[in-house]
């Protein structure tokens, strides 16, 4: 329903690779959870995010350059592979 309204879908509590793949197959756009990272203090998150962006700029998934998308959000398709 969210996609029909032009909205992005974010899944919370993604903990396993199997969940990530299932959500991708269902068309989910973004996810957050322990699969990507445990809660971090602000300074540690900043370092984590900068590292993800640098790695994503060198990564492609299915021919898609992940850098720009990771810079905007930790996507289900890119984050687990780019980090």
PDB file of N, CA and C in Angstrom:
ATOM      1  N   UNK A   1       0.816  -1.179   0.000  1.00  0.00           N
ATOM      2  CA  UNK A   1       0.000   0.000   0.000  1.00  0.00           C
ATOM      3  C   UNK A   1       0.875   1.265   0.000  1.00  0.00           C
ATOM      4  N   UNK A   2       1.967   1.234   0.773  1.00  0.00           N
ATOM      5  CA  UNK A   2       2.834   2.402   0.859  1.00  0.00           C
ATOM      6  C   UNK A   2       3.389   2.791  -0.508  1.00  0.00           C
ATOM      7  N   UNK A   3       3.841   1.801  -1.289  1.00  0.00           N
ATOM      8  CA  UNK A   3       4.388   2.099  -2.613  1.00  0.00           C
ATOM      9  C   UNK A   3       3.327   2.714  -3.517  1.00  0.00           C
ATOM     10  N   UNK A   4       2.097   2.265  -3.421  1.00  0.00           N
ATOM     11  CA  UNK A   4       1.014   2.834  -4.236  1.00  0.00           C
ATOM     12  C   UNK A   4       0.771   4.296  -3.883  1.00  0.00           C
ATOM     13  N   UNK A   5       1.097   4.668  -2.655  1.00  0.00           N
ATOM     14  CA  UNK A   5       0.957   6.059  -2.213  1.00  0.00           C
ATOM     15  C   UNK A   5       2.231   6.871  -2.453  1.00  0.00           C
ATOM     16  N   UNK A   6       3.237   6.239  -3.091  1.00  0.00           N
ATOM     17  CA  UNK A   6       4.493   6.928  -3.383  1.00  0.00           C
ATOM     18  C   UNK A   6       5.423   7.019  -2.191  1.00  0.00           C
ATOM     19  N   UNK A   7       5.223   6.166  -1.202  1.00  0.00           N
ATOM     20  CA  UNK A   7       6.056   6.174   0.000  1.00  0.00           C
ATOM     21  C   UNK A   7       7.094   5.063  -0.039  1.00  0.00           C
ATOM     22  N   UNK A   8       8.179   5.258   0.670  1.00  0.00           N
ATOM     23  CA  UNK A   8       9.193   4.220   0.847  1.00  0.00           C
ATOM     24  C   UNK A   8       8.816   3.390   2.069  1.00  0.00           C
ATOM     25  N   UNK A   9       9.198   2.114   2.053  1.00  0.00           N
ATOM     26  CA  UNK A   9       8.894   1.199   3.145  1.00  0.00           C
ATOM     27  C   UNK A   9      10.184   0.872   3.888  1.00  0.00           C
ATOM     28  N   UNK A  10      10.158   1.030   5.221  1.00  0.00           N
ATOM     29  CA  UNK A  10      11.301   0.703   6.063  1.00  0.00           C
ATOM     30  C   UNK A  10      10.896  -0.362   7.071  1.00  0.00           C
ATOM     31  N   UNK A  11      11.660  -1.442   7.098  1.00  0.00           N
ATOM     32  CA  UNK A  11      11.424  -2.517   8.062  1.00  0.00           C
ATOM     33  C   UNK A  11      12.318  -2.294   9.271  1.00  0.00           C
ATOM     34  N   UNK A  12      11.770  -2.466  10.441  1.00  0.00           N
ATOM     35  CA  UNK A  12      12.536  -2.341  11.670  1.00  0.00           C
ATOM     36  C   UNK A  12      12.800  -3.721  12.251  1.00  0.00           C
ATOM     37  N   UNK A  13      13.906  -3.863  12.948  1.00  0.00           N
ATOM     38  CA  UNK A  13      14.209  -5.114  13.621  1.00  0.00           C
ATOM     39  C   UNK A  13      14.766  -6.201  12.720  1.00  0.00           C
ATOM     40  N   UNK A  14      15.447  -5.819  11.635  1.00  0.00           N
ATOM     41  CA  UNK A  14      16.046  -6.805  10.730  1.00  0.00           C
ATOM     42  C   UNK A  14      17.293  -7.365  11.402  1.00  0.00           C
ATOM     43  N   UNK A  15      17.270  -8.669  11.681  1.00  0.00           N
ATOM     44  CA  UNK A  15      18.369  -9.273  12.431  1.00  0.00           C
ATOM     45  C   UNK A  15      19.135 -10.336  11.668  1.00  0.00           C
ATOM     46  N   UNK A  16      18.569 -10.884  10.606  1.00  0.00           N
ATOM     47  CA  UNK A  16      19.252 -11.965   9.889  1.00  0.00           C
ATOM     48  C   UNK A  16      19.289 -11.673   8.392  1.00  0.00           C
ATOM     49  N   UNK A  17      20.248 -12.313   7.725  1.00  0.00           N
ATOM     50  CA  UNK A  17      20.353 -12.199   6.273  1.00  0.00           C
ATOM     51  C   UNK A  17      19.091 -12.754   5.609  1.00  0.00           C
ATOM     52  N   UNK A  18      18.539 -13.809   6.172  1.00  0.00           N
ATOM     53  CA  UNK A  18      17.307 -14.390   5.631  1.00  0.00           C
ATOM     54  C   UNK A  18      16.157 -13.375   5.675  1.00  0.00           C
ATOM     55  N   UNK A  19      16.032 -12.638   6.760  1.00  0.00           N
ATOM     56  CA  UNK A  19      15.000 -11.601   6.853  1.00  0.00           C
ATOM     57  C   UNK A  19      15.236 -10.517   5.803  1.00  0.00           C
ATOM     58  N   UNK A  20      16.509 -10.115   5.643  1.00  0.00           N
ATOM     59  CA  UNK A  20      16.833  -9.078   4.660  1.00  0.00           C
ATOM     60  C   UNK A  20      16.424  -9.511   3.257  1.00  0.00           C
ATOM     61  N   UNK A  21      16.754 -10.765   2.896  1.00  0.00           N
ATOM     62  CA  UNK A  21      16.408 -11.269   1.561  1.00  0.00           C
ATOM     63  C   UNK A  21      14.895 -11.341   1.374  1.00  0.00           C
ATOM     64  N   UNK A  22      14.179 -11.797   2.393  1.00  0.00           N
ATOM     65  CA  UNK A  22      12.717 -11.869   2.316  1.00  0.00           C
ATOM     66  C   UNK A  22      12.118 -10.475   2.123  1.00  0.00           C
ATOM     67  N   UNK A  23      12.590  -9.518   2.892  1.00  0.00           N
ATOM     68  CA  UNK A  23      12.081  -8.153   2.778  1.00  0.00           C
ATOM     69  C   UNK A  23      12.365  -7.569   1.397  1.00  0.00           C
ATOM     70  N   UNK A  24      13.565  -7.818   0.864  1.00  0.00           N
ATOM     71  CA  UNK A  24      13.884  -7.360  -0.491  1.00  0.00           C
ATOM     72  C   UNK A  24      12.934  -7.980  -1.511  1.00  0.00           C
ATOM     73  N   UNK A  25      12.669  -9.270  -1.366  1.00  0.00           N
ATOM     74  CA  UNK A  25      11.781  -9.944  -2.315  1.00  0.00           C
ATOM     75  C   UNK A  25      10.352  -9.411  -2.232  1.00  0.00           C
ATOM     76  N   UNK A  26      10.007  -8.844  -1.085  1.00  0.00           N
ATOM     77  CA  UNK A  26       8.671  -8.273  -0.905  1.00  0.00           C
ATOM     78  C   UNK A  26       8.618  -6.802  -1.323  1.00  0.00           C
ATOM     79  N   UNK A  27       9.752  -6.251  -1.746  1.00  0.00           N
ATOM     80  CA  UNK A  27       9.783  -4.878  -2.227  1.00  0.00           C
ATOM     81  C   UNK A  27      10.074  -3.835  -1.171  1.00  0.00           C
ATOM     82  N   UNK A  28      10.524  -4.251   0.005  1.00  0.00           N
ATOM     83  CA  UNK A  28      10.857  -3.309   1.064  1.00  0.00           C
ATOM     84  C   UNK A  28      12.081  -2.490   0.639  1.00  0.00           C
ATOM     85  N   UNK A  29      12.044  -1.189   0.896  1.00  0.00           N
ATOM     86  CA  UNK A  29      13.108  -0.296   0.429  1.00  0.00           C
ATOM     87  C   UNK A  29      14.290  -0.186   1.389  1.00  0.00           C
ATOM     88  N   UNK A  30      14.013  -0.100   2.668  1.00  0.00           N
ATOM     89  CA  UNK A  30      15.053   0.159   3.665  1.00  0.00           C
ATOM     90  C   UNK A  30      14.827  -0.715   4.886  1.00  0.00           C
ATOM     91  N   UNK A  31      15.870  -0.847   5.680  1.00  0.00           N
ATOM     92  CA  UNK A  31      15.737  -1.604   6.906  1.00  0.00           C
ATOM     93  C   UNK A  31      16.696  -1.113   7.959  1.00  0.00           C
ATOM     94  N   UNK A  32      16.349  -1.399   9.181  1.00  0.00           N
ATOM     95  CA  UNK A  32      17.254  -1.108  10.283  1.00  0.00           C
ATOM     96  C   UNK A  32      17.184  -2.271  11.247  1.00  0.00           C
ATOM     97  N   UNK A  33      18.252  -2.472  11.962  1.00  0.00           N
ATOM     98  CA  UNK A  33      18.276  -3.561  12.926  1.00  0.00           C
ATOM     99  C   UNK A  33      19.684  -4.060  13.155  1.00  0.00           C
ATOM    100  N   UNK A  34      19.789  -5.072  14.002  1.00  0.00           N
ATOM    101  CA  UNK A  34      21.084  -5.602  14.397  1.00  0.00           C
ATOM    102  C   UNK A  34      21.878  -6.202  13.244  1.00  0.00           C
ATOM    103  N   UNK A  35      21.224  -6.584  12.153  1.00  0.00           N
ATOM    104  CA  UNK A  35      21.976  -7.084  11.004  1.00  0.00           C
ATOM    105  C   UNK A  35      22.955  -6.026  10.508  1.00  0.00           C
ATOM    106  N   UNK A  36      22.555  -4.786  10.558  1.00  0.00           N
ATOM    107  CA  UNK A  36      23.368  -3.683  10.040  1.00  0.00           C
ATOM    108  C   UNK A  36      24.293  -3.113  11.112  1.00  0.00           C
ATOM    109  N   UNK A  37      23.794  -2.991  12.348  1.00  0.00           N
ATOM    110  CA  UNK A  37      24.616  -2.465  13.443  1.00  0.00           C
ATOM    111  C   UNK A  37      23.841  -2.528  14.751  1.00  0.00           C
ATOM    112  N   UNK A  38      24.569  -2.733  15.814  1.00  0.00           N
ATOM    113  CA  UNK A  38      24.021  -2.561  17.160  1.00  0.00           C
ATOM    114  C   UNK A  38      23.910  -1.061  17.418  1.00  0.00           C
ATOM    115  N   UNK A  39      23.156  -0.639  18.415  1.00  0.00           N
ATOM    116  CA  UNK A  39      23.113   0.791  18.753  1.00  0.00           C
ATOM    117  C   UNK A  39      24.526   1.306  19.030  1.00  0.00           C
ATOM    118  N   UNK A  40      24.800   2.524  18.562  1.00  0.00           N
ATOM    119  CA  UNK A  40      26.132   3.114  18.706  1.00  0.00           C
ATOM    120  C   UNK A  40      26.037   4.511  19.308  1.00  0.00           C
ATOM    121  N   UNK A  41      27.065   4.921  20.070  1.00  0.00           N
ATOM    122  CA  UNK A  41      27.151   6.321  20.478  1.00  0.00           C
ATOM    123  C   UNK A  41      27.353   7.187  19.226  1.00  0.00           C
ATOM    124  N   UNK A  42      27.032   8.463  19.326  1.00  0.00           N
ATOM    125  CA  UNK A  42      27.068   9.357  18.161  1.00  0.00           C
ATOM    126  C   UNK A  42      28.417   9.329  17.427  1.00  0.00           C
ATOM    127  N   UNK A  43      29.511   9.413  18.141  1.00  0.00           N
ATOM    128  CA  UNK A  43      30.828   9.443  17.489  1.00  0.00           C
ATOM    129  C   UNK A  43      31.118   8.139  16.753  1.00  0.00           C
ATOM    130  N   UNK A  44      30.751   7.021  17.357  1.00  0.00           N
ATOM    131  CA  UNK A  44      30.971   5.721  16.713  1.00  0.00           C
ATOM    132  C   UNK A  44      30.085   5.580  15.481  1.00  0.00           C
ATOM    133  N   UNK A  45      28.843   6.098  15.551  1.00  0.00           N
ATOM    134  CA  UNK A  45      27.964   6.044  14.390  1.00  0.00           C
ATOM    135  C   UNK A  45      28.540   6.860  13.245  1.00  0.00           C
ATOM    136  N   UNK A  46      29.077   8.028  13.555  1.00  0.00           N
ATOM    137  CA  UNK A  46      29.657   8.871  12.511  1.00  0.00           C
ATOM    138  C   UNK A  46      30.777   8.128  11.781  1.00  0.00           C
ATOM    139  N   UNK A  47      31.656   7.479  12.521  1.00  0.00           N
ATOM    140  CA  UNK A  47      32.756   6.721  11.903  1.00  0.00           C
ATOM    141  C   UNK A  47      32.203   5.553  11.079  1.00  0.00           C
ATOM    142  N   UNK A  48      31.210   4.849  11.621  1.00  0.00           N
ATOM    143  CA  UNK A  48      30.559   3.728  10.927  1.00  0.00           C
ATOM    144  C   UNK A  48      29.947   4.194   9.610  1.00  0.00           C
ATOM    145  N   UNK A  49      29.243   5.321   9.651  1.00  0.00           N
ATOM    146  CA  UNK A  49      28.551   5.847   8.471  1.00  0.00           C
ATOM    147  C   UNK A  49      29.546   6.309   7.410  1.00  0.00           C
ATOM    148  N   UNK A  50      30.589   7.001   7.819  1.00  0.00           N
ATOM    149  CA  UNK A  50      31.615   7.461   6.867  1.00  0.00           C
ATOM    150  C   UNK A  50      32.276   6.269   6.188  1.00  0.00           C
ATOM    151  N   UNK A  51      32.592   5.226   6.966  1.00  0.00           N
ATOM    152  CA  UNK A  51      33.181   4.013   6.385  1.00  0.00           C
ATOM    153  C   UNK A  51      32.224   3.384   5.370  1.00  0.00           C
ATOM    154  N   UNK A  52      30.939   3.325   5.705  1.00  0.00           N
ATOM    155  CA  UNK A  52      29.939   2.745   4.796  1.00  0.00           C
ATOM    156  C   UNK A  52      29.867   3.520   3.492  1.00  0.00           C
ATOM    157  N   UNK A  53      29.887   4.834   3.569  1.00  0.00           N
ATOM    158  CA  UNK A  53      29.825   5.665   2.363  1.00  0.00           C
ATOM    159  C   UNK A  53      31.058   5.438   1.494  1.00  0.00           C
ATOM    160  N   UNK A  54      32.236   5.413   2.112  1.00  0.00           N
ATOM    161  CA  UNK A  54      33.473   5.204   1.341  1.00  0.00           C
ATOM    162  C   UNK A  54      33.468   3.848   0.658  1.00  0.00           C
ATOM    163  N   UNK A  55      33.048   2.808   1.363  1.00  0.00           N
ATOM    164  CA  UNK A  55      32.999   1.481   0.762  1.00  0.00           C
ATOM    165  C   UNK A  55      31.928   1.409  -0.318  1.00  0.00           C
ATOM    166  N   UNK A  56      30.800   2.046  -0.091  1.00  0.00           N
ATOM    167  CA  UNK A  56      29.705   1.995  -1.059  1.00  0.00           C
ATOM    168  C   UNK A  56      30.075   2.701  -2.352  1.00  0.00           C
ATOM    169  N   UNK A  57      30.868   3.736  -2.268  1.00  0.00           N
ATOM    170  CA  UNK A  57      31.281   4.450  -3.478  1.00  0.00           C
ATOM    171  C   UNK A  57      32.104   3.555  -4.387  1.00  0.00           C
ATOM    172  N   UNK A  58      32.701   2.511  -3.805  1.00  0.00           N
ATOM    173  CA  UNK A  58      33.487   1.566  -4.596  1.00  0.00           C
ATOM    174  C   UNK A  58      32.681   0.329  -4.952  1.00  0.00           C
ATOM    175  N   UNK A  59      31.405   0.281  -4.526  1.00  0.00           N
ATOM    176  CA  UNK A  59      30.599  -0.923  -4.699  1.00  0.00           C
ATOM    177  C   UNK A  59      29.476  -0.718  -5.699  1.00  0.00           C
ATOM    178  N   UNK A  60      29.139  -1.782  -6.375  1.00  0.00           N
ATOM    179  CA  UNK A  60      27.928  -1.801  -7.181  1.00  0.00           C
ATOM    180  C   UNK A  60      27.186  -3.094  -6.859  1.00  0.00           C
ATOM    181  N   UNK A  61      25.879  -3.016  -6.898  1.00  0.00           N
ATOM    182  CA  UNK A  61      25.028  -4.178  -6.716  1.00  0.00           C
ATOM    183  C   UNK A  61      24.086  -4.219  -7.902  1.00  0.00           C
ATOM    184  N   UNK A  62      24.165  -5.283  -8.674  1.00  0.00           N
ATOM    185  CA  UNK A  62      23.363  -5.404  -9.893  1.00  0.00           C
ATOM    186  C   UNK A  62      23.565  -4.190 -10.801  1.00  0.00           C
ATOM    187  N   UNK A  63      24.792  -3.710 -10.890  1.00  0.00           N
ATOM    188  CA  UNK A  63      25.108  -2.591 -11.758  1.00  0.00           C
ATOM    189  C   UNK A  63      24.748  -1.234 -11.180  1.00  0.00           C
ATOM    190  N   UNK A  64      24.224  -1.179  -9.970  1.00  0.00           N
ATOM    191  CA  UNK A  64      23.808   0.074  -9.345  1.00  0.00           C
ATOM    192  C   UNK A  64      24.921   0.576  -8.445  1.00  0.00           C
ATOM    193  N   UNK A  65      25.321   1.814  -8.610  1.00  0.00           N
ATOM    194  CA  UNK A  65      26.324   2.409  -7.748  1.00  0.00           C
ATOM    195  C   UNK A  65      25.679   2.726  -6.406  1.00  0.00           C
ATOM    196  N   UNK A  66      26.175   2.118  -5.357  1.00  0.00           N
ATOM    197  CA  UNK A  66      25.548   2.222  -4.035  1.00  0.00           C
ATOM    198  C   UNK A  66      25.875   3.518  -3.298  1.00  0.00           C
ATOM    199  N   UNK A  67      26.910   4.222  -3.682  1.00  0.00           N
ATOM    200  CA  UNK A  67      27.360   5.373  -2.906  1.00  0.00           C
ATOM    201  C   UNK A  67      26.301   6.403  -2.626  1.00  0.00           C
ATOM    202  N   UNK A  68      25.568   6.840  -3.636  1.00  0.00           N
ATOM    203  CA  UNK A  68      24.571   7.882  -3.431  1.00  0.00           C
ATOM    204  C   UNK A  68      23.430   7.401  -2.551  1.00  0.00           C
ATOM    205  N   UNK A  69      22.982   6.184  -2.767  1.00  0.00           N
ATOM    206  CA  UNK A  69      21.864   5.673  -1.977  1.00  0.00           C
ATOM    207  C   UNK A  69      22.280   5.475  -0.519  1.00  0.00           C
ATOM    208  N   UNK A  70      23.468   4.956  -0.287  1.00  0.00           N
ATOM    209  CA  UNK A  70      23.923   4.762   1.089  1.00  0.00           C
ATOM    210  C   UNK A  70      24.078   6.126   1.762  1.00  0.00           C
ATOM    211  N   UNK A  71      24.512   7.117   1.027  1.00  0.00           N
ATOM    212  CA  UNK A  71      24.655   8.446   1.606  1.00  0.00           C
ATOM    213  C   UNK A  71      23.311   8.982   2.093  1.00  0.00           C
ATOM    214  N   UNK A  72      22.232   8.573   1.452  1.00  0.00           N
ATOM    215  CA  UNK A  72      20.897   9.027   1.872  1.00  0.00           C
ATOM    216  C   UNK A  72      20.302   8.134   2.945  1.00  0.00           C
ATOM    217  N   UNK A  73      20.532   6.842   2.853  1.00  0.00           N
ATOM    218  CA  UNK A  73      19.930   5.897   3.801  1.00  0.00           C
ATOM    219  C   UNK A  73      20.667   4.575   3.739  1.00  0.00           C
ATOM    220  N   UNK A  74      20.572   3.788   4.774  1.00  0.00           N
ATOM    221  CA  UNK A  74      21.135   2.450   4.766  1.00  0.00           C
ATOM    222  C   UNK A  74      20.097   1.540   4.122  1.00  0.00           C
ATOM    223  N   UNK A  75      20.256   1.286   2.842  1.00  0.00           N
ATOM    224  CA  UNK A  75      19.250   0.498   2.134  1.00  0.00           C
ATOM    225  C   UNK A  75      19.432  -0.989   2.379  1.00  0.00           C
ATOM    226  N   UNK A  76      18.351  -1.723   2.299  1.00  0.00           N
ATOM    227  CA  UNK A  76      18.427  -3.173   2.462  1.00  0.00           C
ATOM    228  C   UNK A  76      19.321  -3.798   1.410  1.00  0.00           C
ATOM    229  N   UNK A  77      19.264  -3.305   0.196  1.00  0.00           N
ATOM    230  CA  UNK A  77      20.031  -3.893  -0.893  1.00  0.00           C
ATOM    231  C   UNK A  77      21.517  -3.588  -0.761  1.00  0.00           C
ATOM    232  N   UNK A  78      21.844  -2.429  -0.245  1.00  0.00           N
ATOM    233  CA  UNK A  78      23.239  -2.021  -0.237  1.00  0.00           C
ATOM    234  C   UNK A  78      23.962  -2.122   1.084  1.00  0.00           C
ATOM    235  N   UNK A  79      23.299  -1.875   2.166  1.00  0.00           N
ATOM    236  CA  UNK A  79      24.008  -1.713   3.430  1.00  0.00           C
ATOM    237  C   UNK A  79      24.742  -2.964   3.880  1.00  0.00           C
ATOM    238  N   UNK A  80      24.124  -4.085   3.844  1.00  0.00           N
ATOM    239  CA  UNK A  80      24.760  -5.295   4.352  1.00  0.00           C
ATOM    240  C   UNK A  80      25.989  -5.668   3.525  1.00  0.00           C
ATOM    241  N   UNK A  81      25.946  -5.397   2.230  1.00  0.00           N
ATOM    242  CA  UNK A  81      27.066  -5.744   1.374  1.00  0.00           C
ATOM    243  C   UNK A  81      28.124  -4.651   1.357  1.00  0.00           C
ATOM    244  N   UNK A  82      27.698  -3.388   1.501  1.00  0.00           N
ATOM    245  CA  UNK A  82      28.642  -2.292   1.387  1.00  0.00           C
ATOM    246  C   UNK A  82      29.424  -2.064   2.669  1.00  0.00           C
ATOM    247  N   UNK A  83      28.896  -2.498   3.795  1.00  0.00           N
ATOM    248  CA  UNK A  83      29.551  -2.216   5.072  1.00  0.00           C
ATOM    249  C   UNK A  83      30.504  -3.333   5.426  1.00  0.00           C
TER     250      UNK A  83
END
